[in-house]
Amino acid sequence: MASIKRCKLNARRKHKSMEPIIINKETVISLLPMQECIPVMEKAFRSLASGKCVQPLRPLMWLPDKRGLLGMMPGYAGDIDVMGIKVISVFPGNKNFGYSSHQGMVLLFETQNGRPLCMADADEITAIRTPAASAVATNLLARKDAETVSILGSGIQAAGHIEAMLLVRKIKKIIVWSRNEANAKQLAEKVSDKNKTEVTVVKSPEEAVRNVDIICTLTASVQPVIKAEWVSKGTHINAVGSCTPHARELDTAIILKSKLFTDCYESIFNEAGDFIIPRNEGAIDNSHVKGEIGEILLGEKNGRTSDDDITVFKSLGLAVEDIFSVNHIYRKITKTMEP
């Protein structure tokens, strides 16, 4: 709490001299709770689908040994008059060293004179806005009576997705699987104590996803972790973990039998191995993507049309999601400076 007060005090001082505000992890957590971030993501998706955003593909710079990469994610949001960029490192092996796999900063600029407004911790922004985006998709695409959720993975996104799913559906049972069983058990204990919800840790992905209503794949796997024959009719899947053309969490058969939605057409067509690999196999073409989440929000596309539909939200993570999130925090901070 003291660090948040210091951040606001520094913000007041810097705002007077028009210097950018530094927004640390604690401030992000305090001023971007999940229940607020979900409607912020709805606004971002609507804005993108309305053509009010510029959302280029992200350049990625891999290290020579492929241990990690540096991603640069620029974007512009015309309806809130800001532009920005997230610069983030992704090191999947960081779990072995006690660091987050995603680390970086989000820079926000106003668009009248290009003045930098703030710099925010990207690790926490990503940890919150990603499950919030999945929550928007889940609320649109999952069956209304969905009450069981499967979480594949036990990293920071796992905890966030559990929180987000609980906010959009009346979840009665949570199933967790991870390659690191000890981490899965720690996550289950923490979630169970906090939410008083039944949490079960299982030993295989198949056991995790059979006969569940919602599946969230949050792994660093480059090969499919679940198979089509394990997925029941009526299931909704948030495919989040993979974001490069040669990595995927879902097999081709799942993509074939599902109604596939995404956050951004250009991103899924160029970055998502879950889609690109089946397309390269000749199993599908671009028309297999039924729509963007923003188009459903605007009423331009239909989502689920039957309780038997298997729906997939392929999440790539967009710069506009970061920009809208940081702008939300920035406006809350600067509002406290007003006389």
Protein backbone atom coordinates (compact mmCIF):
# COMPACT_ATOMS: atom_id res chain seq x y z
CA MET A 1 0.00 0.00 0.00
CA ALA A 2 2.87 2.36 0.81
CA SER A 3 4.38 1.78 -2.63
CA ILE A 4 1.04 2.71 -4.27
CA LYS A 5 0.88 5.94 -2.26
CA ARG A 6 4.45 6.74 -3.31
CA CYS A 7 3.55 6.02 -6.94
CA LYS A 8 0.61 8.45 -6.77
CA LEU A 9 2.75 11.07 -5.02
CA ASN A 10 5.44 10.74 -7.65
CA ALA A 11 2.74 10.87 -10.32
CA ARG A 12 1.48 14.18 -8.98
CA ARG A 13 4.96 15.63 -9.00
CA LYS A 14 5.82 14.33 -12.46
CA HIS A 15 2.46 15.25 -13.94
CA LYS A 16 3.13 18.92 -13.19
CA SER A 17 6.38 18.78 -15.16
CA MET A 18 4.77 16.62 -17.87
CA GLU A 19 7.17 13.74 -17.24
CA PRO A 20 5.87 10.19 -17.70
CA ILE A 21 4.47 8.35 -14.69
CA ILE A 22 6.12 5.10 -13.60
CA ILE A 23 3.51 2.45 -12.71
CA ASN A 24 4.94 -0.44 -10.72
CA LYS A 25 3.64 -3.97 -10.14
CA GLU A 26 1.84 -3.15 -6.92
CA THR A 27 -0.01 -0.26 -8.52
CA VAL A 28 -1.07 -2.38 -11.49
CA ILE A 29 -2.49 -5.03 -9.15
CA SER A 30 -4.28 -2.42 -7.05
CA LEU A 31 -5.77 -0.36 -9.89
CA LEU A 32 -6.54 -3.11 -12.43
CA PRO A 33 -8.57 -5.74 -10.57
CA MET A 34 -9.87 -8.56 -12.74
CA GLN A 35 -13.51 -7.50 -12.41
CA GLU A 36 -12.58 -4.08 -13.85
CA CYS A 37 -10.27 -5.43 -16.53
CA ILE A 38 -12.94 -7.65 -18.11
CA PRO A 39 -15.10 -4.69 -19.29
CA VAL A 40 -11.91 -2.87 -20.32
CA MET A 41 -11.12 -5.83 -22.62
CA GLU A 42 -14.65 -5.68 -24.01
CA LYS A 43 -14.02 -2.04 -24.93
CA ALA A 44 -10.70 -2.96 -26.55
CA PHE A 45 -12.27 -5.74 -28.66
CA ARG A 46 -15.15 -3.51 -29.72
CA SER A 47 -12.75 -0.74 -30.68
CA LEU A 48 -10.58 -3.11 -32.72
CA ALA A 49 -13.54 -4.64 -34.57
CA SER A 50 -14.92 -1.14 -35.26
CA GLY A 51 -11.74 -0.17 -37.10
CA LYS A 52 -10.71 2.41 -34.50
CA CYS A 53 -7.40 0.72 -33.68
CA VAL A 54 -4.14 0.11 -35.50
CA GLN A 55 -2.84 -3.31 -34.52
CA PRO A 56 0.34 -4.33 -36.41
CA LEU A 57 1.86 -7.78 -36.13
CA ARG A 58 4.53 -8.02 -33.45
CA PRO A 59 8.19 -8.37 -34.46
CA LEU A 60 9.95 -11.10 -32.48
CA MET A 61 13.69 -11.33 -31.95
CA TRP A 62 14.78 -14.79 -30.87
CA LEU A 63 18.05 -15.36 -29.07
CA PRO A 64 20.41 -17.56 -31.13
CA ASP A 65 19.96 -20.54 -28.81
CA LYS A 66 16.14 -20.08 -28.71
CA ARG A 67 16.12 -19.80 -24.90
CA GLY A 68 13.94 -16.75 -25.15
CA LEU A 69 12.79 -13.87 -27.27
CA LEU A 70 12.12 -10.15 -27.23
CA GLY A 71 8.71 -9.13 -28.53
CA MET A 72 7.71 -5.63 -29.60
CA MET A 73 3.98 -4.94 -29.68
CA PRO A 74 2.90 -1.50 -30.95
CA GLY A 75 -0.67 -0.27 -31.27
CA TYR A 76 -2.96 2.74 -31.54
CA ALA A 77 -6.42 3.28 -30.04
CA GLY A 78 -8.20 6.14 -31.75
CA ASP A 79 -11.26 6.31 -29.53
CA ILE A 80 -9.15 6.95 -26.41
CA ASP A 81 -6.48 8.99 -28.25
CA VAL A 82 -3.46 6.98 -27.13
CA MET A 83 -0.78 4.88 -28.74
CA GLY A 84 1.74 2.62 -27.12
CA ILE A 85 4.07 -0.31 -27.26
CA LYS A 86 4.76 -3.29 -25.07
CA VAL A 87 8.34 -4.51 -25.09
CA ILE A 88 8.48 -7.89 -23.45
CA SER A 89 10.87 -10.80 -23.01
CA VAL A 90 9.56 -14.35 -23.02
CA PHE A 91 11.74 -16.98 -21.35
CA PRO A 92 9.72 -20.19 -20.76
CA GLY A 93 12.50 -21.69 -18.64
CA ASN A 94 12.26 -18.93 -16.06
CA LYS A 95 10.02 -21.06 -13.84
CA ASN A 96 13.20 -22.94 -12.89
CA PHE A 97 14.81 -19.73 -11.61
CA GLY A 98 11.91 -18.13 -9.79
CA TYR A 99 11.17 -15.48 -12.43
CA SER A 100 8.07 -14.91 -14.52
CA SER A 101 8.28 -16.16 -18.10
CA HIS A 102 7.02 -12.78 -19.38
CA GLN A 103 8.78 -9.58 -18.31
CA GLY A 104 8.83 -6.08 -19.75
CA MET A 105 7.24 -2.64 -19.87
CA VAL A 106 4.28 -0.96 -21.58
CA LEU A 107 4.83 2.62 -22.80
CA LEU A 108 1.79 4.84 -23.34
CA PHE A 109 1.76 8.06 -25.43
CA GLU A 110 -0.91 10.67 -26.15
CA THR A 111 -1.59 11.24 -29.84
CA GLN A 112 -1.88 15.02 -30.09
CA ASN A 113 1.81 15.75 -29.60
CA GLY A 114 3.24 12.26 -29.06
CA ARG A 115 4.03 12.98 -25.40
CA PRO A 116 4.87 9.92 -23.27
CA LEU A 117 2.30 9.53 -20.50
CA CYS A 118 3.45 6.56 -18.49
CA MET A 119 5.47 3.37 -18.31
CA ALA A 120 3.85 0.36 -16.66
CA ASP A 121 5.07 -3.05 -15.57
CA ALA A 122 4.14 -5.41 -18.41
CA ASP A 123 4.40 -8.61 -16.38
CA GLU A 124 1.39 -7.75 -14.22
CA ILE A 125 -0.53 -6.15 -17.09
CA THR A 126 -0.15 -9.39 -19.09
CA ALA A 127 -1.05 -11.50 -16.05
CA ILE A 128 -4.36 -9.67 -15.68
CA ARG A 129 -5.48 -8.66 -19.18
CA THR A 130 -4.88 -12.12 -20.72
CA PRO A 131 -7.35 -14.00 -18.48
CA ALA A 132 -9.69 -11.01 -18.66
CA ALA A 133 -9.73 -11.39 -22.46
CA SER A 134 -10.43 -15.12 -22.04
CA ALA A 135 -13.27 -14.22 -19.68
CA VAL A 136 -14.86 -12.01 -22.34
CA ALA A 137 -14.63 -14.87 -24.86
CA THR A 138 -15.91 -17.41 -22.33
CA ASN A 139 -18.89 -15.24 -21.46
CA LEU A 140 -19.78 -15.05 -25.16
CA LEU A 141 -19.01 -18.61 -26.20
CA ALA A 142 -19.34 -21.03 -23.27
CA ARG A 143 -22.68 -22.61 -22.43
CA LYS A 144 -24.60 -20.59 -19.88
CA ASP A 145 -24.82 -23.62 -17.59
CA ALA A 146 -21.07 -24.35 -17.70
CA GLU A 147 -19.88 -25.25 -14.20
CA THR A 148 -16.62 -27.20 -14.57
CA VAL A 149 -13.31 -25.80 -15.78
CA SER A 150 -10.04 -27.51 -16.63
CA ILE A 151 -6.76 -25.61 -16.26
CA LEU A 152 -3.74 -26.98 -18.12
CA GLY A 153 -0.63 -25.34 -16.73
CA SER A 154 0.28 -24.01 -13.29
CA GLY A 155 2.03 -20.71 -13.97
CA ILE A 156 0.84 -17.16 -13.38
CA GLN A 157 -1.79 -17.42 -16.12
CA ALA A 158 -3.35 -20.42 -14.40
CA ALA A 159 -4.24 -18.50 -11.26
CA GLY A 160 -5.49 -15.56 -13.31
CA HIS A 161 -7.69 -17.72 -15.51
CA ILE A 162 -9.27 -19.41 -12.53
CA GLU A 163 -10.15 -16.01 -11.08
CA ALA A 164 -11.51 -14.85 -14.44
CA MET A 165 -13.62 -17.97 -15.08
CA LEU A 166 -15.18 -17.67 -11.64
CA LEU A 167 -16.32 -14.16 -12.53
CA VAL A 168 -18.22 -15.15 -15.70
CA ARG A 169 -19.65 -18.57 -14.83
CA LYS A 170 -20.91 -20.32 -11.71
CA ILE A 171 -18.02 -22.75 -11.47
CA LYS A 172 -18.49 -25.65 -9.06
CA LYS A 173 -15.40 -27.69 -9.88
CA ILE A 174 -11.87 -26.84 -11.08
CA ILE A 175 -9.47 -29.47 -12.44
CA VAL A 176 -5.76 -28.69 -12.72
CA TRP A 177 -3.04 -30.51 -14.64
CA SER A 178 0.58 -29.49 -14.99
CA ARG A 179 3.85 -31.13 -15.92
CA ASN A 180 5.01 -29.82 -12.55
CA GLU A 181 2.70 -31.62 -10.17
CA ALA A 182 4.08 -29.84 -7.11
CA ASN A 183 3.19 -26.46 -8.65
CA ALA A 184 -0.26 -27.76 -9.55
CA LYS A 185 -0.87 -28.84 -5.96
CA GLN A 186 0.27 -25.47 -4.61
CA LEU A 187 -2.06 -23.70 -7.05
CA ALA A 188 -4.98 -25.96 -6.10
CA GLU A 189 -4.46 -25.37 -2.39
CA LYS A 190 -4.24 -21.61 -2.86
CA VAL A 191 -7.34 -21.44 -5.06
CA SER A 192 -9.36 -23.76 -2.84
CA ASP A 193 -8.57 -21.74 0.29
CA LYS A 194 -9.37 -18.43 -1.41
CA ASN A 195 -12.54 -19.35 -3.28
CA LYS A 196 -13.99 -22.28 -1.30
CA THR A 197 -14.33 -24.13 -4.61
CA GLU A 198 -13.48 -27.79 -5.21
CA VAL A 199 -10.09 -28.09 -6.93
CA THR A 200 -8.72 -31.44 -8.11
CA VAL A 201 -5.18 -32.10 -9.37
CA VAL A 202 -4.94 -34.88 -11.97
CA LYS A 203 -2.00 -36.71 -13.52
CA SER A 204 -2.77 -36.44 -17.24
CA PRO A 205 -4.21 -33.95 -19.73
CA GLU A 206 -6.77 -36.54 -20.82
CA GLU A 207 -8.05 -36.92 -17.27
CA ALA A 208 -8.17 -33.13 -16.97
CA VAL A 209 -10.31 -32.38 -20.02
CA ARG A 210 -12.76 -35.27 -20.30
CA ASN A 211 -16.35 -34.28 -19.52
CA VAL A 212 -15.63 -30.65 -18.59
CA ASP A 213 -17.42 -27.54 -19.81
CA ILE A 214 -14.50 -25.09 -20.17
CA ILE A 215 -10.85 -25.84 -20.95
CA CYS A 216 -8.02 -23.29 -20.62
CA THR A 217 -4.72 -24.36 -22.18
CA LEU A 218 -1.95 -22.26 -20.63
CA THR A 219 1.19 -24.23 -21.35
CA ALA A 220 4.52 -23.58 -23.04
CA SER A 221 4.13 -26.73 -25.14
CA VAL A 222 5.00 -26.71 -28.84
CA GLN A 223 3.07 -29.94 -29.44
CA PRO A 224 -0.66 -30.59 -28.83
CA VAL A 225 -1.44 -31.31 -25.20
CA ILE A 226 -5.03 -32.44 -25.78
CA LYS A 227 -6.70 -34.55 -28.47
CA ALA A 228 -10.07 -34.21 -30.12
CA GLU A 229 -11.40 -37.53 -28.82
CA TRP A 230 -11.00 -36.27 -25.25
CA VAL A 231 -13.17 -33.17 -25.80
CA SER A 232 -16.93 -33.47 -25.26
CA LYS A 233 -19.65 -31.79 -27.26
CA GLY A 234 -20.54 -28.38 -25.91
CA THR A 235 -17.07 -27.63 -24.54
CA HIS A 236 -15.52 -24.18 -24.80
CA ILE A 237 -11.71 -23.93 -25.09
CA ASN A 238 -9.52 -20.91 -24.39
CA ALA A 239 -6.27 -21.70 -26.25
CA VAL A 240 -3.80 -19.25 -24.76
CA GLY A 241 -0.34 -20.74 -24.32
CA SER A 242 1.11 -20.82 -27.83
CA CYS A 243 1.64 -17.68 -29.91
CA THR A 244 4.14 -18.61 -32.64
CA PRO A 245 3.58 -20.32 -36.02
CA HIS A 246 5.38 -23.55 -35.10
CA ALA A 247 3.84 -24.17 -31.65
CA ARG A 248 0.35 -25.38 -30.79
CA GLU A 249 -1.61 -26.83 -27.89
CA LEU A 250 -4.60 -28.19 -29.87
CA ASP A 251 -4.42 -30.93 -32.48
CA THR A 252 -5.78 -30.54 -36.01
CA ALA A 253 -8.85 -32.66 -35.27
CA ILE A 254 -9.97 -30.29 -32.50
CA ILE A 255 -9.68 -27.29 -34.81
CA LEU A 256 -11.61 -29.15 -37.52
CA LYS A 257 -14.55 -30.04 -35.27
CA SER A 258 -14.75 -26.65 -33.54
CA LYS A 259 -16.11 -23.20 -34.23
CA LEU A 260 -12.93 -21.13 -34.12
CA PHE A 261 -12.81 -17.51 -32.93
CA THR A 262 -9.93 -15.14 -32.24
CA ASP A 263 -8.97 -11.72 -30.98
CA CYS A 264 -7.59 -10.49 -34.33
CA TYR A 265 -7.72 -12.02 -37.83
CA GLU A 266 -4.27 -10.84 -38.89
CA SER A 267 -2.72 -12.28 -35.75
CA ILE A 268 -4.27 -15.73 -36.05
CA PHE A 269 -3.48 -15.96 -39.78
CA ASN A 270 0.20 -15.10 -39.21
CA GLU A 271 1.12 -16.09 -35.66
CA ALA A 272 -1.02 -18.93 -34.34
CA GLY A 273 0.38 -22.43 -34.80
CA ASP A 274 -2.94 -23.86 -33.58
CA PHE A 275 -4.42 -22.46 -36.82
CA ILE A 276 -1.41 -22.23 -39.18
CA ILE A 277 -0.32 -25.86 -38.85
CA PRO A 278 -3.75 -27.30 -39.80
CA ARG A 279 -3.92 -24.77 -42.65
CA ASN A 280 -0.49 -25.85 -43.90
CA GLU A 281 -1.70 -29.45 -43.77
CA GLY A 282 -4.55 -28.48 -46.09
CA ALA A 283 -7.16 -29.35 -43.47
CA ILE A 284 -8.65 -25.82 -43.29
CA ASP A 285 -8.40 -22.39 -44.86
CA ASN A 286 -8.85 -18.87 -43.50
CA SER A 287 -12.64 -19.15 -43.72
CA HIS A 288 -12.55 -21.64 -40.84
CA VAL A 289 -12.14 -18.70 -38.46
CA LYS A 290 -15.73 -17.71 -37.68
CA GLY A 291 -15.04 -14.27 -36.29
CA GLU A 292 -13.27 -11.93 -33.92
CA ILE A 293 -14.55 -11.57 -30.37
CA GLY A 294 -15.17 -7.88 -31.07
CA GLU A 295 -17.47 -8.77 -33.97
CA ILE A 296 -19.59 -10.90 -31.65
CA LEU A 297 -19.75 -8.06 -29.14
CA LEU A 298 -20.91 -5.72 -31.90
CA GLY A 299 -23.55 -8.21 -33.06
CA GLU A 300 -21.88 -8.61 -36.45
CA LYS A 301 -21.09 -12.32 -36.01
CA ASN A 302 -22.74 -15.18 -34.16
CA GLY A 303 -20.91 -17.13 -31.50
CA ARG A 304 -22.25 -20.39 -30.11
CA THR A 305 -25.47 -21.42 -31.87
CA SER A 306 -26.00 -24.82 -30.23
CA ASP A 307 -25.31 -26.46 -26.89
CA ASP A 308 -23.42 -29.13 -28.84
CA ASP A 309 -20.96 -26.69 -30.45
CA ILE A 310 -17.31 -27.00 -29.50
CA THR A 311 -16.03 -23.43 -29.47
CA VAL A 312 -12.40 -22.32 -29.42
CA PHE A 313 -11.06 -18.88 -28.61
CA LYS A 314 -7.53 -18.63 -29.97
CA SER A 315 -5.95 -15.89 -27.90
CA LEU A 316 -2.81 -14.24 -29.29
CA GLY A 317 -2.61 -11.28 -26.91
CA LEU A 318 -2.75 -7.85 -28.53
CA ALA A 319 -1.04 -4.52 -28.01
CA VAL A 320 -4.45 -2.84 -27.84
CA GLU A 321 -5.28 -4.99 -24.81
CA ASP A 322 -2.17 -3.64 -23.07
CA ILE A 323 -2.88 -0.08 -24.20
CA PHE A 324 -6.47 -0.10 -22.94
CA SER A 325 -5.35 -1.67 -19.65
CA VAL A 326 -2.58 0.85 -19.00
CA ASN A 327 -4.80 3.73 -20.07
CA HIS A 328 -7.39 2.57 -17.51
CA ILE A 329 -4.78 2.68 -14.76
CA TYR A 330 -3.32 5.99 -15.94
CA ARG A 331 -6.74 7.67 -15.95
CA LYS A 332 -7.43 6.42 -12.41
CA ILE A 333 -4.09 7.79 -11.18
CA THR A 334 -4.42 11.17 -12.89
CA LYS A 335 -8.01 11.54 -11.73
CA THR A 336 -6.70 11.64 -8.14
CA MET A 337 -4.55 14.64 -9.14
CA GLU A 338 -7.52 16.72 -10.16
CA PRO A 339 -8.39 19.59 -7.78
